[in-house]
Structures are given as structure tokens and as C-alpha cells.
N, C-alpha and C. Protein backbone atom coordinates (compact mmCIF):
# COMPACT_ATOMS: atom_id res chain seq x y z
N MET A 1 8.22 -15.14 -4.03
CA MET A 1 8.56 -13.76 -5.43
C MET A 1 10.19 -13.73 -5.07
N THR A 2 10.94 -13.81 -3.77
CA THR A 2 12.16 -13.33 -3.76
C THR A 2 13.08 -14.58 -4.53
N PRO A 3 12.63 -16.14 -3.96
CA PRO A 3 13.41 -17.25 -4.92
C PRO A 3 13.67 -16.86 -6.31
N ALA A 4 12.34 -16.55 -7.06
CA ALA A 4 12.44 -16.56 -8.41
C ALA A 4 13.60 -15.40 -8.90
N ILE A 5 13.25 -14.23 -7.93
CA ILE A 5 14.44 -12.85 -8.23
C ILE A 5 15.43 -13.06 -8.25
N HIS A 6 15.60 -14.20 -7.08
CA HIS A 6 17.51 -14.59 -6.59
C HIS A 6 17.98 -15.62 -7.80
N ALA A 7 16.93 -16.45 -8.21
CA ALA A 7 17.42 -17.22 -9.18
C ALA A 7 17.98 -16.36 -10.67
N LYS A 8 17.36 -15.82 -10.69
CA LYS A 8 17.69 -14.52 -11.70
C LYS A 8 18.72 -13.65 -11.71
N ILE A 9 19.24 -12.93 -10.65
CA ILE A 9 20.08 -12.51 -10.17
C ILE A 9 20.86 -12.86 -9.17
N PRO A 10 21.49 -13.81 -9.06
CA PRO A 10 22.31 -14.47 -8.12
C PRO A 10 23.28 -13.41 -6.84
N SER A 11 23.44 -12.49 -7.26
CA SER A 11 24.14 -11.69 -6.69
C SER A 11 23.10 -10.66 -5.81
N LEU A 12 22.12 -10.63 -5.80
CA LEU A 12 21.00 -10.32 -5.15
C LEU A 12 20.71 -11.41 -3.77
N LYS A 13 20.68 -12.33 -3.68
CA LYS A 13 20.84 -13.35 -2.99
C LYS A 13 22.18 -13.09 -2.13
N SER A 14 23.09 -13.30 -2.78
CA SER A 14 24.79 -13.54 -1.86
C SER A 14 24.75 -12.21 -0.96
N SER A 15 23.91 -11.18 -1.40
CA SER A 15 24.15 -9.96 -0.62
C SER A 15 22.66 -9.43 0.51
N GLY A 16 21.96 -10.41 0.53
CA GLY A 16 21.25 -10.71 1.32
C GLY A 16 19.75 -9.71 1.00
N TRP A 17 19.43 -9.59 0.10
CA TRP A 17 18.62 -8.55 -0.52
C TRP A 17 17.58 -9.57 -0.41
N LYS A 18 16.13 -9.11 -0.17
CA LYS A 18 15.08 -9.39 0.18
C LYS A 18 13.57 -8.56 -0.29
N LEU A 19 12.98 -9.28 -1.08
CA LEU A 19 11.47 -8.35 -1.70
C LEU A 19 10.59 -8.19 -0.47
N LYS A 20 10.33 -6.68 -0.56
CA LYS A 20 9.55 -6.19 0.56
C LYS A 20 7.96 -5.16 -0.08
N GLN A 21 7.28 -6.02 0.15
CA GLN A 21 6.08 -5.63 -0.44
C GLN A 21 4.92 -5.06 -0.01
N SER A 22 4.55 -3.82 -0.29
CA SER A 22 3.05 -3.48 0.31
C SER A 22 2.29 -2.65 -0.38
N SER A 23 1.00 -2.51 -0.51
CA SER A 23 0.58 -1.75 -1.12
C SER A 23 -0.57 -0.94 -0.25
N GLY A 24 -0.70 0.40 -0.90
CA GLY A 24 -1.17 1.70 -0.07
C GLY A 24 -2.47 1.91 -1.29
N ILE A 25 -3.45 2.11 -0.15
CA ILE A 25 -4.97 2.81 -0.90
C ILE A 25 -5.37 3.71 -0.19
N ALA A 26 -5.92 4.84 -0.85
CA ALA A 26 -6.60 6.19 -0.31
C ALA A 26 -7.83 6.18 -1.53
N THR A 27 -8.70 6.80 -0.74
CA THR A 27 -10.04 7.29 -1.12
C THR A 27 -10.10 8.85 -1.31
N GLY A 28 -10.53 9.63 -2.47
CA GLY A 28 -10.89 10.92 -2.59
C GLY A 28 -10.65 11.47 -4.06
N LYS A 29 -10.75 12.48 -3.91
CA LYS A 29 -11.28 13.32 -5.29
C LYS A 29 -9.73 13.79 -5.89
N THR A 30 -9.29 13.21 -7.22
CA THR A 30 -7.93 13.04 -7.41
C THR A 30 -8.41 13.64 -8.91
N LEU A 31 -7.57 14.11 -9.63
CA LEU A 31 -7.48 15.05 -10.92
C LEU A 31 -6.37 14.12 -11.78
N LEU A 32 -6.50 13.36 -12.74
CA LEU A 32 -5.98 12.84 -13.62
C LEU A 32 -5.54 13.63 -14.92
N ALA A 33 -4.34 13.59 -15.38
CA ALA A 33 -4.12 14.39 -16.31
C ALA A 33 -2.85 13.64 -16.92
N ARG A 34 -2.75 14.16 -18.60
CA ARG A 34 -1.78 13.32 -19.44
C ARG A 34 -0.68 14.46 -19.65
N ALA A 35 0.27 14.07 -19.28
CA ALA A 35 1.52 15.08 -19.70
C ALA A 35 2.63 14.03 -19.86
N GLY A 36 3.36 15.50 -20.92
CA GLY A 36 4.68 15.17 -21.86
C GLY A 36 4.24 15.62 -22.95
N PHE A 37 5.04 14.85 -24.02
CA PHE A 37 5.15 15.37 -25.37
C PHE A 37 5.62 14.11 -26.15
N ARG A 38 4.75 14.45 -27.62
CA ARG A 38 4.71 13.46 -28.75
C ARG A 38 4.66 11.96 -28.23
N ASP A 39 5.85 11.28 -28.44
CA ASP A 39 5.12 9.84 -28.25
C ASP A 39 6.12 9.81 -26.82
N ASN A 40 6.11 10.27 -25.87
CA ASN A 40 6.47 10.52 -24.52
C ASN A 40 6.08 10.93 -23.61
N ASP A 41 4.54 10.50 -23.53
CA ASP A 41 3.70 11.01 -22.34
C ASP A 41 3.21 9.85 -21.44
N ASP A 42 2.56 10.66 -20.06
CA ASP A 42 2.02 9.35 -19.40
C ASP A 42 0.79 9.78 -18.63
N MET A 43 0.14 9.50 -17.98
CA MET A 43 -1.03 9.55 -16.87
C MET A 43 -0.45 9.96 -15.32
N ILE A 44 -0.81 11.32 -15.08
CA ILE A 44 -0.43 11.33 -13.51
C ILE A 44 -1.75 11.87 -13.24
N SER A 45 -1.48 11.59 -11.86
CA SER A 45 -2.91 11.69 -10.59
C SER A 45 -2.49 12.89 -9.62
N ILE A 46 -3.38 13.84 -9.44
CA ILE A 46 -2.98 15.11 -8.76
C ILE A 46 -4.19 15.36 -7.70
N GLY A 47 -3.49 15.08 -6.36
CA GLY A 47 -4.51 15.23 -5.39
C GLY A 47 -3.98 14.53 -4.16
N VAL A 48 -4.58 14.70 -2.68
CA VAL A 48 -4.39 14.12 -1.47
C VAL A 48 -4.31 12.49 -1.66
N ALA A 49 -5.26 11.94 -2.17
CA ALA A 49 -5.79 10.63 -2.11
C ALA A 49 -4.66 9.44 -2.80
N PRO A 50 -4.08 10.18 -4.09
CA PRO A 50 -2.76 9.44 -4.68
C PRO A 50 -1.65 9.70 -4.02
N ASN A 51 -1.11 11.10 -3.04
CA ASN A 51 -0.19 11.16 -2.61
C ASN A 51 -0.18 10.41 -1.25
N LEU A 52 -1.16 10.02 -0.51
CA LEU A 52 -1.55 9.51 0.60
C LEU A 52 -0.79 7.76 0.12
N ALA A 53 -1.86 7.40 -0.74
CA ALA A 53 -1.54 5.71 -1.39
C ALA A 53 -0.23 5.58 -1.64
N ALA A 54 0.27 6.51 -2.24
CA ALA A 54 2.04 6.31 -2.16
C ALA A 54 2.60 6.15 -1.47
N LYS A 55 2.48 7.10 -0.13
CA LYS A 55 3.18 7.27 1.29
C LYS A 55 2.99 5.90 1.43
N LEU A 56 1.55 5.51 1.61
CA LEU A 56 1.20 4.16 2.63
C LEU A 56 2.05 3.34 1.88
N SER A 57 2.33 3.15 0.64
CA SER A 57 3.05 1.97 -0.26
C SER A 57 4.45 1.84 -0.19
N ASP A 58 4.82 2.93 0.83
CA ASP A 58 6.35 3.18 0.91
C ASP A 58 6.66 2.39 2.62
N ILE A 59 5.79 2.31 3.13
CA ILE A 59 5.90 1.96 4.74
C ILE A 59 6.61 0.33 4.72
N ARG A 60 7.39 0.43 5.15
CA ARG A 60 8.02 -1.34 5.19
C ARG A 60 8.47 -1.85 6.81
N SER A 61 7.34 -2.37 6.83
CA SER A 61 7.71 -2.79 8.30
C SER A 61 8.63 -3.91 8.66
N THR A 62 9.07 -3.87 9.98
CA THR A 62 10.14 -4.67 10.24
C THR A 62 9.70 -5.77 11.85
N GLY A 63 10.44 -7.14 11.67
CA GLY A 63 10.14 -7.65 12.60
C GLY A 63 8.96 -8.53 12.88
N ASP A 64 8.03 -8.50 13.74
CA ASP A 64 6.77 -9.14 13.81
C ASP A 64 5.92 -8.36 12.90
N GLU A 65 5.94 -6.71 12.58
CA GLU A 65 5.29 -6.15 11.40
C GLU A 65 5.37 -6.48 10.21
N ALA A 66 6.53 -7.03 9.67
CA ALA A 66 6.56 -6.96 8.61
C ALA A 66 5.60 -8.07 7.75
N ARG A 67 4.59 -8.50 8.23
CA ARG A 67 3.29 -8.96 7.86
C ARG A 67 2.64 -8.12 7.05
N PHE A 68 2.46 -7.05 7.61
CA PHE A 68 1.47 -6.00 7.27
C PHE A 68 2.30 -5.78 5.79
N VAL A 69 0.81 -5.74 4.79
CA VAL A 69 1.33 -5.54 3.46
C VAL A 69 0.49 -4.77 2.39
N THR A 70 -0.42 -4.48 3.03
CA THR A 70 -2.18 -3.68 2.99
C THR A 70 -2.39 -2.67 3.81
N LEU A 71 -2.13 -1.39 3.23
CA LEU A 71 -2.38 -0.20 3.95
C LEU A 71 -3.61 0.80 3.61
N VAL A 72 -4.29 0.75 4.03
CA VAL A 72 -5.50 2.10 3.64
C VAL A 72 -5.68 3.13 4.54
N GLY A 73 -5.93 4.05 3.97
CA GLY A 73 -6.57 5.50 4.59
C GLY A 73 -7.69 5.35 5.33
N LYS A 74 -7.84 6.42 6.46
CA LYS A 74 -9.10 6.35 7.03
C LYS A 74 -10.09 6.17 6.25
N GLY A 75 -10.72 6.95 5.00
CA GLY A 75 -11.73 7.10 4.41
C GLY A 75 -11.87 5.79 3.64
N THR A 76 -10.81 5.11 3.20
CA THR A 76 -11.06 4.08 2.13
C THR A 76 -11.45 2.88 3.47
N TYR A 77 -11.04 2.88 4.87
CA TYR A 77 -11.18 1.89 5.54
C TYR A 77 -12.88 2.12 6.16
N ALA A 78 -13.47 3.25 6.31
CA ALA A 78 -14.52 3.73 6.39
C ALA A 78 -15.55 3.24 5.56
N GLY A 79 -14.84 3.25 4.25
CA GLY A 79 -15.96 2.67 3.21
C GLY A 79 -15.78 1.16 3.08
N LEU A 80 -15.17 0.27 3.84
CA LEU A 80 -15.05 -1.03 3.75
C LEU A 80 -16.66 -1.59 4.18
N SER A 81 -17.00 -2.86 3.59
CA SER A 81 -18.11 -3.15 4.26
C SER A 81 -17.57 -3.98 5.31
N ASN A 82 -18.62 -4.44 5.89
CA ASN A 82 -18.57 -5.55 7.25
C ASN A 82 -17.75 -6.76 6.69
N ALA A 83 -17.78 -7.23 5.50
CA ALA A 83 -17.17 -8.34 5.35
C ALA A 83 -15.86 -8.06 4.40
N GLY A 84 -15.58 -7.01 4.04
CA GLY A 84 -14.10 -6.17 4.16
C GLY A 84 -13.36 -5.70 5.69
N LYS A 85 -14.50 -5.81 6.38
CA LYS A 85 -13.39 -5.26 7.75
C LYS A 85 -13.11 -6.74 8.58
N VAL A 86 -14.17 -7.79 8.40
CA VAL A 86 -13.92 -8.67 9.64
C VAL A 86 -14.23 -9.65 8.85
N SER A 87 -13.47 -11.01 9.62
CA SER A 87 -13.30 -12.19 9.13
C SER A 87 -13.67 -13.09 10.45
N PRO A 88 -14.66 -14.25 9.98
CA PRO A 88 -15.09 -15.19 11.41
C PRO A 88 -14.72 -14.01 12.36
N GLY A 89 -15.49 -13.30 12.89
CA GLY A 89 -15.77 -12.52 13.83
C GLY A 89 -14.41 -11.84 14.43
N LYS A 90 -13.32 -11.70 13.78
CA LYS A 90 -11.93 -10.99 13.73
C LYS A 90 -11.69 -9.87 13.03
N ASN A 91 -11.34 -8.65 13.35
CA ASN A 91 -11.54 -7.55 12.68
C ASN A 91 -9.89 -7.84 12.12
N MET A 92 -9.71 -7.77 10.60
CA MET A 92 -9.10 -8.11 9.80
C MET A 92 -7.84 -6.69 9.94
N TRP A 93 -7.75 -5.80 10.35
CA TRP A 93 -7.03 -4.73 10.41
C TRP A 93 -6.46 -3.83 11.63
N LYS A 94 -5.64 -3.55 11.58
CA LYS A 94 -5.10 -3.10 12.79
C LYS A 94 -5.02 -1.46 12.57
N GLY A 95 -5.23 -0.81 13.87
CA GLY A 95 -5.19 0.76 13.77
C GLY A 95 -6.32 1.69 14.53
N PRO A 96 -6.43 2.48 14.31
CA PRO A 96 -5.91 3.71 13.23
C PRO A 96 -4.21 4.05 13.84
N TYR A 97 -3.25 4.74 12.72
CA TYR A 97 -2.08 4.78 12.80
C TYR A 97 -1.98 6.01 12.07
N SER A 98 -0.85 6.92 12.36
CA SER A 98 -0.90 8.01 11.88
C SER A 98 0.36 8.41 10.94
N ILE A 99 0.17 9.36 9.48
CA ILE A 99 1.20 9.43 8.96
C ILE A 99 1.21 10.75 8.93
N ALA A 100 2.41 11.66 8.44
CA ALA A 100 2.42 12.94 8.16
C ALA A 100 2.26 13.05 6.47
N VAL A 101 1.91 13.98 5.65
CA VAL A 101 2.02 14.00 4.77
C VAL A 101 1.55 15.37 4.14
N GLY A 102 2.59 16.10 3.40
CA GLY A 102 2.52 17.38 3.41
C GLY A 102 2.12 18.36 4.29
N GLY A 103 2.42 18.27 5.33
CA GLY A 103 2.72 18.63 6.55
C GLY A 103 0.91 18.63 7.37
N THR A 104 0.02 17.59 6.94
CA THR A 104 -1.37 17.16 7.84
C THR A 104 -1.10 16.25 8.18
N ASP A 105 -1.64 15.88 9.12
CA ASP A 105 -1.60 13.58 9.76
C ASP A 105 -2.86 13.29 8.81
N TYR A 106 -2.55 12.01 8.46
CA TYR A 106 -3.49 11.20 8.30
C TYR A 106 -3.77 10.14 9.09
N SER A 107 -5.10 9.50 9.16
CA SER A 107 -5.18 8.12 9.83
C SER A 107 -4.73 6.71 8.71
N TYR A 108 -4.44 6.12 9.00
CA TYR A 108 -4.42 4.78 8.51
C TYR A 108 -4.69 3.45 9.06
N TYR A 109 -4.80 2.24 8.48
CA TYR A 109 -5.31 0.98 8.87
C TYR A 109 -4.03 0.24 7.98
N LYS A 110 -3.83 -1.09 8.57
CA LYS A 110 -2.77 -1.94 7.86
C LYS A 110 -3.40 -3.47 8.30
N SER A 111 -3.10 -4.53 7.42
CA SER A 111 -3.60 -5.78 7.54
C SER A 111 -2.43 -6.57 6.85
N SER A 112 -2.66 -7.99 7.12
CA SER A 112 -1.83 -9.03 6.67
C SER A 112 -2.91 -10.05 6.14
N TYR A 113 -4.12 -9.98 6.38
CA TYR A 113 -5.08 -10.67 5.97
C TYR A 113 -4.69 -10.75 4.32
N HIS A 114 -4.96 -12.22 3.86
CA HIS A 114 -4.90 -12.60 2.75
C HIS A 114 -6.42 -13.04 1.99
N TRP A 115 -6.71 -12.20 1.00
CA TRP A 115 -8.13 -12.23 -0.06
C TRP A 115 -7.85 -13.41 -0.72
N SER A 116 -8.50 -14.35 -1.14
CA SER A 116 -8.48 -15.33 -2.55
C SER A 116 -9.63 -15.54 -3.18
N PHE A 117 -9.79 -15.64 -4.22
CA PHE A 117 -10.95 -15.68 -4.89
C PHE A 117 -11.04 -17.08 -5.24
N SER A 118 -12.21 -17.90 -5.40
CA SER A 118 -12.47 -19.03 -5.49
C SER A 118 -12.74 -19.30 -6.80
């Protein structure tokens, strides 16, 4: 993805900018609401799960850790089937780690495993 962006915006390449992506996933009760007015409204999510997922997606690892791009909360990890946790006998996830969100510590796991669909 970075080469495609650099091709469109060469100044990013010359400045040394690189795309760093991660996905945060959390499970829990969430309130969805449409907020705004007239033709300028959007769906917003309220609750611990969307806040935790957003915080997890903001984590950018460096060095050898830079390969971790999927981060899940403890509840999401617990809900995974064995096939979602283990591949050829090896746990695909590292952790648990801890992150503070709103004054409370939450456990999370991270993975660099690549899923593909045939």
C-alpha cells in the first residue's frame, strides 16, 4: 500500500513517510445512535467496547513488534474458537498486555497472523 501512496504523493516518499496500519477489535454492549441534523448526520457508538477498539487501533508497534497489526480485547480473545487462536499447533496471539482506557486497565492480545480465504 505504501508504494501506491508514494506514487500518488511523491512528497510522502521523500519525507520518509510509511503507512502503519492496525485494527482494534473489542466485544461488549454498545449503544448506537444517529447524531447530527438535516443532511449532516452520522452513526456514533457509545460504550467501553468501541472506545477500547479505537484505542487498540491506535497502537503502533516499532522494530520487531511492527508486524503486529490485529489487536483484540480480552473478551474478544476469549470468544474466539480454537481455530481462531491456534494454527498448526501454534498460538497466533501474543499477550495478554494491558492498556488504560478511561482510568480502567483492560487486557488485550495482538497478532501478526495473516488470514486468507480461498
